[in-house]
Amino acid sequence: MGVDYYNILKVNRNANDDDLKKAYRRLAMKWHPDKNPNNKKEAETKFKQISEAYEARFCVSSLLDP
């Protein structure tokens, strides 16, 4: 089974572009490695997952909604 990007971004499957962007920004701010100097390794991993999830979902959403 593939990666559940909606779960990573903590949004519903019917989230619109605005919901995706808000979720990404909230989580990116929380998990940015510079904001987590005491837990940099985990923060880097989480931040990378969040960025990948947003990019994948946003690209798919943009393709489906011309």
PDB file of N, CA and C in Angstrom:
ATOM      1  N   MET A   1       0.836  -1.183   0.000  1.00  0.00           N
ATOM      2  CA  MET A   1       0.000   0.000   0.000  1.00  0.00           C
ATOM      3  C   MET A   1       0.879   1.244   0.000  1.00  0.00           C
ATOM      4  N   GLY A   2       0.420   2.294  -0.672  1.00  0.00           N
ATOM      5  CA  GLY A   2       1.193   3.526  -0.801  1.00  0.00           C
ATOM      6  C   GLY A   2       1.133   4.398   0.437  1.00  0.00           C
ATOM      7  N   VAL A   3       1.813   5.503   0.343  1.00  0.00           N
ATOM      8  CA  VAL A   3       1.862   6.468   1.434  1.00  0.00           C
ATOM      9  C   VAL A   3       0.547   7.249   1.477  1.00  0.00           C
ATOM     10  N   ASP A   4       0.016   7.457   2.664  1.00  0.00           N
ATOM     11  CA  ASP A   4      -1.222   8.216   2.832  1.00  0.00           C
ATOM     12  C   ASP A   4      -0.873   9.683   3.107  1.00  0.00           C
ATOM     13  N   TYR A   5      -0.806  10.458   2.045  1.00  0.00           N
ATOM     14  CA  TYR A   5      -0.422  11.861   2.164  1.00  0.00           C
ATOM     15  C   TYR A   5      -1.435  12.678   2.960  1.00  0.00           C
ATOM     16  N   TYR A   6      -2.691  12.307   2.866  1.00  0.00           N
ATOM     17  CA  TYR A   6      -3.718  13.018   3.635  1.00  0.00           C
ATOM     18  C   TYR A   6      -3.478  12.837   5.132  1.00  0.00           C
ATOM     19  N   ASN A   7      -3.105  11.636   5.520  1.00  0.00           N
ATOM     20  CA  ASN A   7      -2.826  11.354   6.922  1.00  0.00           C
ATOM     21  C   ASN A   7      -1.604  12.144   7.396  1.00  0.00           C
ATOM     22  N   ILE A   8      -0.585  12.210   6.568  1.00  0.00           N
ATOM     23  CA  ILE A   8       0.618  12.964   6.926  1.00  0.00           C
ATOM     24  C   ILE A   8       0.276  14.433   7.154  1.00  0.00           C
ATOM     25  N   LEU A   9      -0.578  14.983   6.281  1.00  0.00           N
ATOM     26  CA  LEU A   9      -0.968  16.390   6.402  1.00  0.00           C
ATOM     27  C   LEU A   9      -2.112  16.609   7.395  1.00  0.00           C
ATOM     28  N   LYS A  10      -2.672  15.506   7.889  1.00  0.00           N
ATOM     29  CA  LYS A  10      -3.770  15.554   8.866  1.00  0.00           C
ATOM     30  C   LYS A  10      -4.983  16.330   8.331  1.00  0.00           C
ATOM     31  N   VAL A  11      -5.382  15.969   7.100  1.00  0.00           N
ATOM     32  CA  VAL A  11      -6.561  16.569   6.469  1.00  0.00           C
ATOM     33  C   VAL A  11      -7.480  15.463   5.966  1.00  0.00           C
ATOM     34  N   ASN A  12      -8.738  15.814   5.738  1.00  0.00           N
ATOM     35  CA  ASN A  12      -9.693  14.870   5.159  1.00  0.00           C
ATOM     36  C   ASN A  12      -9.366  14.641   3.690  1.00  0.00           C
ATOM     37  N   ARG A  13      -9.830  13.531   3.175  1.00  0.00           N
ATOM     38  CA  ARG A  13      -9.577  13.203   1.772  1.00  0.00           C
ATOM     39  C   ARG A  13     -10.264  14.163   0.806  1.00  0.00           C
ATOM     40  N   ASN A  14     -11.261  14.880   1.276  1.00  0.00           N
ATOM     41  CA  ASN A  14     -11.946  15.832   0.410  1.00  0.00           C
ATOM     42  C   ASN A  14     -11.451  17.265   0.636  1.00  0.00           C
ATOM     43  N   ALA A  15     -10.270  17.409   1.206  1.00  0.00           N
ATOM     44  CA  ALA A  15      -9.707  18.735   1.475  1.00  0.00           C
ATOM     45  C   ALA A  15      -9.459  19.481   0.164  1.00  0.00           C
ATOM     46  N   ASN A  16      -9.747  20.780   0.181  1.00  0.00           N
ATOM     47  CA  ASN A  16      -9.491  21.584  -1.013  1.00  0.00           C
ATOM     48  C   ASN A  16      -8.068  22.151  -0.958  1.00  0.00           C
ATOM     49  N   ASP A  17      -7.692  22.889  -1.986  1.00  0.00           N
ATOM     50  CA  ASP A  17      -6.332  23.430  -2.065  1.00  0.00           C
ATOM     51  C   ASP A  17      -5.991  24.317  -0.869  1.00  0.00           C
ATOM     52  N   ASP A  18      -6.951  25.101  -0.437  1.00  0.00           N
ATOM     53  CA  ASP A  18      -6.720  25.993   0.697  1.00  0.00           C
ATOM     54  C   ASP A  18      -6.468  25.199   1.980  1.00  0.00           C
ATOM     55  N   ASP A  19      -7.250  24.137   2.189  1.00  0.00           N
ATOM     56  CA  ASP A  19      -7.056  23.268   3.360  1.00  0.00           C
ATOM     57  C   ASP A  19      -5.672  22.622   3.330  1.00  0.00           C
ATOM     58  N   LEU A  20      -5.263  22.167   2.152  1.00  0.00           N
ATOM     59  CA  LEU A  20      -3.949  21.536   2.007  1.00  0.00           C
ATOM     60  C   LEU A  20      -2.838  22.527   2.330  1.00  0.00           C
ATOM     61  N   LYS A  21      -2.974  23.732   1.811  1.00  0.00           N
ATOM     62  CA  LYS A  21      -1.953  24.749   2.036  1.00  0.00           C
ATOM     63  C   LYS A  21      -1.856  25.119   3.516  1.00  0.00           C
ATOM     64  N   LYS A  22      -2.997  25.302   4.157  1.00  0.00           N
ATOM     65  CA  LYS A  22      -3.013  25.644   5.585  1.00  0.00           C
ATOM     66  C   LYS A  22      -2.391  24.533   6.428  1.00  0.00           C
ATOM     67  N   ALA A  23      -2.749  23.296   6.120  1.00  0.00           N
ATOM     68  CA  ALA A  23      -2.205  22.158   6.865  1.00  0.00           C
ATOM     69  C   ALA A  23      -0.697  22.067   6.669  1.00  0.00           C
ATOM     70  N   TYR A  24      -0.260  22.248   5.425  1.00  0.00           N
ATOM     71  CA  TYR A  24       1.178  22.201   5.138  1.00  0.00           C
ATOM     72  C   TYR A  24       1.917  23.285   5.920  1.00  0.00           C
ATOM     73  N   ARG A  25       1.430  24.504   5.857  1.00  0.00           N
ATOM     74  CA  ARG A  25       2.109  25.610   6.536  1.00  0.00           C
ATOM     75  C   ARG A  25       2.172  25.392   8.052  1.00  0.00           C
ATOM     76  N   ARG A  26       1.066  24.922   8.629  1.00  0.00           N
ATOM     77  CA  ARG A  26       1.016  24.678  10.077  1.00  0.00           C
ATOM     78  C   ARG A  26       2.039  23.616  10.481  1.00  0.00           C
ATOM     79  N   LEU A  27       2.048  22.507   9.740  1.00  0.00           N
ATOM     80  CA  LEU A  27       2.962  21.417  10.078  1.00  0.00           C
ATOM     81  C   LEU A  27       4.409  21.753   9.739  1.00  0.00           C
ATOM     82  N   ALA A  28       4.620  22.483   8.649  1.00  0.00           N
ATOM     83  CA  ALA A  28       5.981  22.873   8.273  1.00  0.00           C
ATOM     84  C   ALA A  28       6.584  23.791   9.335  1.00  0.00           C
ATOM     85  N   MET A  29       5.782  24.698   9.851  1.00  0.00           N
ATOM     86  CA  MET A  29       6.269  25.584  10.916  1.00  0.00           C
ATOM     87  C   MET A  29       6.596  24.788  12.182  1.00  0.00           C
ATOM     88  N   LYS A  30       5.759  23.816  12.480  1.00  0.00           N
ATOM     89  CA  LYS A  30       5.963  23.005  13.683  1.00  0.00           C
ATOM     90  C   LYS A  30       7.210  22.135  13.567  1.00  0.00           C
ATOM     91  N   TRP A  31       7.432  21.527  12.395  1.00  0.00           N
ATOM     92  CA  TRP A  31       8.490  20.540  12.242  1.00  0.00           C
ATOM     93  C   TRP A  31       9.725  21.030  11.500  1.00  0.00           C
ATOM     94  N   HIS A  32       9.819  22.315  11.209  1.00  0.00           N
ATOM     95  CA  HIS A  32      11.013  22.808  10.519  1.00  0.00           C
ATOM     96  C   HIS A  32      12.228  22.528  11.405  1.00  0.00           C
ATOM     97  N   PRO A  33      13.302  21.982  10.817  1.00  0.00           N
ATOM     98  CA  PRO A  33      14.489  21.635  11.618  1.00  0.00           C
ATOM     99  C   PRO A  33      15.060  22.805  12.418  1.00  0.00           C
ATOM    100  N   ASP A  34      14.979  24.016  11.887  1.00  0.00           N
ATOM    101  CA  ASP A  34      15.490  25.175  12.623  1.00  0.00           C
ATOM    102  C   ASP A  34      14.670  25.467  13.879  1.00  0.00           C
ATOM    103  N   LYS A  35      13.426  25.032  13.899  1.00  0.00           N
ATOM    104  CA  LYS A  35      12.556  25.244  15.063  1.00  0.00           C
ATOM    105  C   LYS A  35      12.700  24.117  16.087  1.00  0.00           C
ATOM    106  N   ASN A  36      13.447  23.077  15.729  1.00  0.00           N
ATOM    107  CA  ASN A  36      13.609  21.908  16.598  1.00  0.00           C
ATOM    108  C   ASN A  36      15.084  21.546  16.749  1.00  0.00           C
ATOM    109  N   PRO A  37      15.885  22.452  17.295  1.00  0.00           N
ATOM    110  CA  PRO A  37      17.322  22.183  17.389  1.00  0.00           C
ATOM    111  C   PRO A  37      17.672  20.999  18.293  1.00  0.00           C
ATOM    112  N   ASN A  38      16.811  20.680  19.248  1.00  0.00           N
ATOM    113  CA  ASN A  38      17.080  19.563  20.156  1.00  0.00           C
ATOM    114  C   ASN A  38      16.617  18.227  19.596  1.00  0.00           C
ATOM    115  N   ASN A  39      15.898  18.264  18.510  1.00  0.00           N
ATOM    116  CA  ASN A  39      15.348  17.050  17.909  1.00  0.00           C
ATOM    117  C   ASN A  39      15.453  17.150  16.386  1.00  0.00           C
ATOM    118  N   LYS A  40      16.614  17.580  15.925  1.00  0.00           N
ATOM    119  CA  LYS A  40      16.818  17.917  14.519  1.00  0.00           C
ATOM    120  C   LYS A  40      16.603  16.730  13.581  1.00  0.00           C
ATOM    121  N   LYS A  41      17.052  15.552  13.973  1.00  0.00           N
ATOM    122  CA  LYS A  41      16.949  14.369  13.106  1.00  0.00           C
ATOM    123  C   LYS A  41      15.481  14.026  12.818  1.00  0.00           C
ATOM    124  N   GLU A  42      14.669  13.945  13.872  1.00  0.00           N
ATOM    125  CA  GLU A  42      13.250  13.639  13.688  1.00  0.00           C
ATOM    126  C   GLU A  42      12.556  14.767  12.925  1.00  0.00           C
ATOM    127  N   ALA A  43      12.914  16.001  13.243  1.00  0.00           N
ATOM    128  CA  ALA A  43      12.304  17.150  12.568  1.00  0.00           C
ATOM    129  C   ALA A  43      12.614  17.130  11.074  1.00  0.00           C
ATOM    130  N   GLU A  44      13.836  16.792  10.711  1.00  0.00           N
ATOM    131  CA  GLU A  44      14.202  16.709   9.291  1.00  0.00           C
ATOM    132  C   GLU A  44      13.375  15.651   8.578  1.00  0.00           C
ATOM    133  N   THR A  45      13.199  14.506   9.223  1.00  0.00           N
ATOM    134  CA  THR A  45      12.411  13.421   8.638  1.00  0.00           C
ATOM    135  C   THR A  45      10.958  13.842   8.465  1.00  0.00           C
ATOM    136  N   LYS A  46      10.369  14.407   9.511  1.00  0.00           N
ATOM    137  CA  LYS A  46       8.969  14.846   9.459  1.00  0.00           C
ATOM    138  C   LYS A  46       8.780  15.949   8.417  1.00  0.00           C
ATOM    139  N   PHE A  47       9.690  16.915   8.413  1.00  0.00           N
ATOM    140  CA  PHE A  47       9.586  18.032   7.479  1.00  0.00           C
ATOM    141  C   PHE A  47       9.652  17.530   6.037  1.00  0.00           C
ATOM    142  N   LYS A  48      10.513  16.577   5.789  1.00  0.00           N
ATOM    143  CA  LYS A  48      10.635  16.001   4.446  1.00  0.00           C
ATOM    144  C   LYS A  48       9.342  15.281   4.053  1.00  0.00           C
ATOM    145  N   GLN A  49       8.761  14.522   4.970  1.00  0.00           N
ATOM    146  CA  GLN A  49       7.496  13.819   4.699  1.00  0.00           C
ATOM    147  C   GLN A  49       6.370  14.814   4.419  1.00  0.00           C
ATOM    148  N   ILE A  50       6.296  15.849   5.220  1.00  0.00           N
ATOM    149  CA  ILE A  50       5.255  16.868   5.067  1.00  0.00           C
ATOM    150  C   ILE A  50       5.395  17.572   3.719  1.00  0.00           C
ATOM    151  N   SER A  51       6.619  17.928   3.368  1.00  0.00           N
ATOM    152  CA  SER A  51       6.860  18.602   2.088  1.00  0.00           C
ATOM    153  C   SER A  51       6.505  17.703   0.917  1.00  0.00           C
ATOM    154  N   GLU A  52       6.888  16.442   1.007  1.00  0.00           N
ATOM    155  CA  GLU A  52       6.575  15.477  -0.048  1.00  0.00           C
ATOM    156  C   GLU A  52       5.061  15.290  -0.179  1.00  0.00           C
ATOM    157  N   ALA A  53       4.385  15.185   0.946  1.00  0.00           N
ATOM    158  CA  ALA A  53       2.930  14.995   0.933  1.00  0.00           C
ATOM    159  C   ALA A  53       2.232  16.195   0.305  1.00  0.00           C
ATOM    160  N   TYR A  54       2.648  17.384   0.673  1.00  0.00           N
ATOM    161  CA  TYR A  54       2.026  18.591   0.127  1.00  0.00           C
ATOM    162  C   TYR A  54       2.271  18.683  -1.374  1.00  0.00           C
ATOM    163  N   GLU A  55       3.498  18.460  -1.762  1.00  0.00           N
ATOM    164  CA  GLU A  55       3.843  18.541  -3.184  1.00  0.00           C
ATOM    165  C   GLU A  55       3.036  17.528  -3.996  1.00  0.00           C
ATOM    166  N   ALA A  56       2.944  16.315  -3.512  1.00  0.00           N
ATOM    167  CA  ALA A  56       2.212  15.262  -4.229  1.00  0.00           C
ATOM    168  C   ALA A  56       0.722  15.576  -4.290  1.00  0.00           C
ATOM    169  N   ARG A  57       0.123  15.943  -3.186  1.00  0.00           N
ATOM    170  CA  ARG A  57      -1.315  16.224  -3.150  1.00  0.00           C
ATOM    171  C   ARG A  57      -1.648  17.495  -3.915  1.00  0.00           C
ATOM    172  N   PHE A  58      -0.824  18.519  -3.771  1.00  0.00           N
ATOM    173  CA  PHE A  58      -1.095  19.777  -4.455  1.00  0.00           C
ATOM    174  C   PHE A  58      -0.970  19.603  -5.963  1.00  0.00           C
ATOM    175  N   CYS A  59       0.014  18.852  -6.409  1.00  0.00           N
ATOM    176  CA  CYS A  59       0.186  18.603  -7.845  1.00  0.00           C
ATOM    177  C   CYS A  59      -1.002  17.830  -8.396  1.00  0.00           C
ATOM    178  N   VAL A  60      -1.436  16.801  -7.701  1.00  0.00           N
ATOM    179  CA  VAL A  60      -2.585  16.007  -8.147  1.00  0.00           C
ATOM    180  C   VAL A  60      -3.835  16.877  -8.154  1.00  0.00           C
ATOM    181  N   SER A  61      -4.017  17.655  -7.107  1.00  0.00           N
ATOM    182  CA  SER A  61      -5.185  18.529  -7.016  1.00  0.00           C
ATOM    183  C   SER A  61      -5.190  19.539  -8.162  1.00  0.00           C
ATOM    184  N   SER A  62      -4.046  20.088  -8.486  1.00  0.00           N
ATOM    185  CA  SER A  62      -3.948  21.062  -9.570  1.00  0.00           C
ATOM    186  C   SER A  62      -4.242  20.426 -10.916  1.00  0.00           C
ATOM    187  N   LEU A  63      -3.818  19.194 -11.103  1.00  0.00           N
ATOM    188  CA  LEU A  63      -4.071  18.495 -12.360  1.00  0.00           C
ATOM    189  C   LEU A  63      -5.552  18.176 -12.526  1.00  0.00           C
ATOM    190  N   LEU A  64      -6.217  17.855 -11.431  1.00  0.00           N
ATOM    191  CA  LEU A  64      -7.629  17.492 -11.488  1.00  0.00           C
ATOM    192  C   LEU A  64      -8.544  18.705 -11.587  1.00  0.00           C
ATOM    193  N   ASP A  65      -8.042  19.867 -11.231  1.00  0.00           N
ATOM    194  CA  ASP A  65      -8.847  21.087 -11.199  1.00  0.00           C
ATOM    195  C   ASP A  65      -8.233  22.154 -12.106  1.00  0.00           C
ATOM    196  N   PRO A  66      -8.350  21.993 -13.430  1.00  0.00           N
ATOM    197  CA  PRO A  66      -7.674  22.935 -14.348  1.00  0.00           C
ATOM    198  C   PRO A  66      -8.215  24.337 -14.300  1.00  0.00           C
TER     199      PRO A  66
END
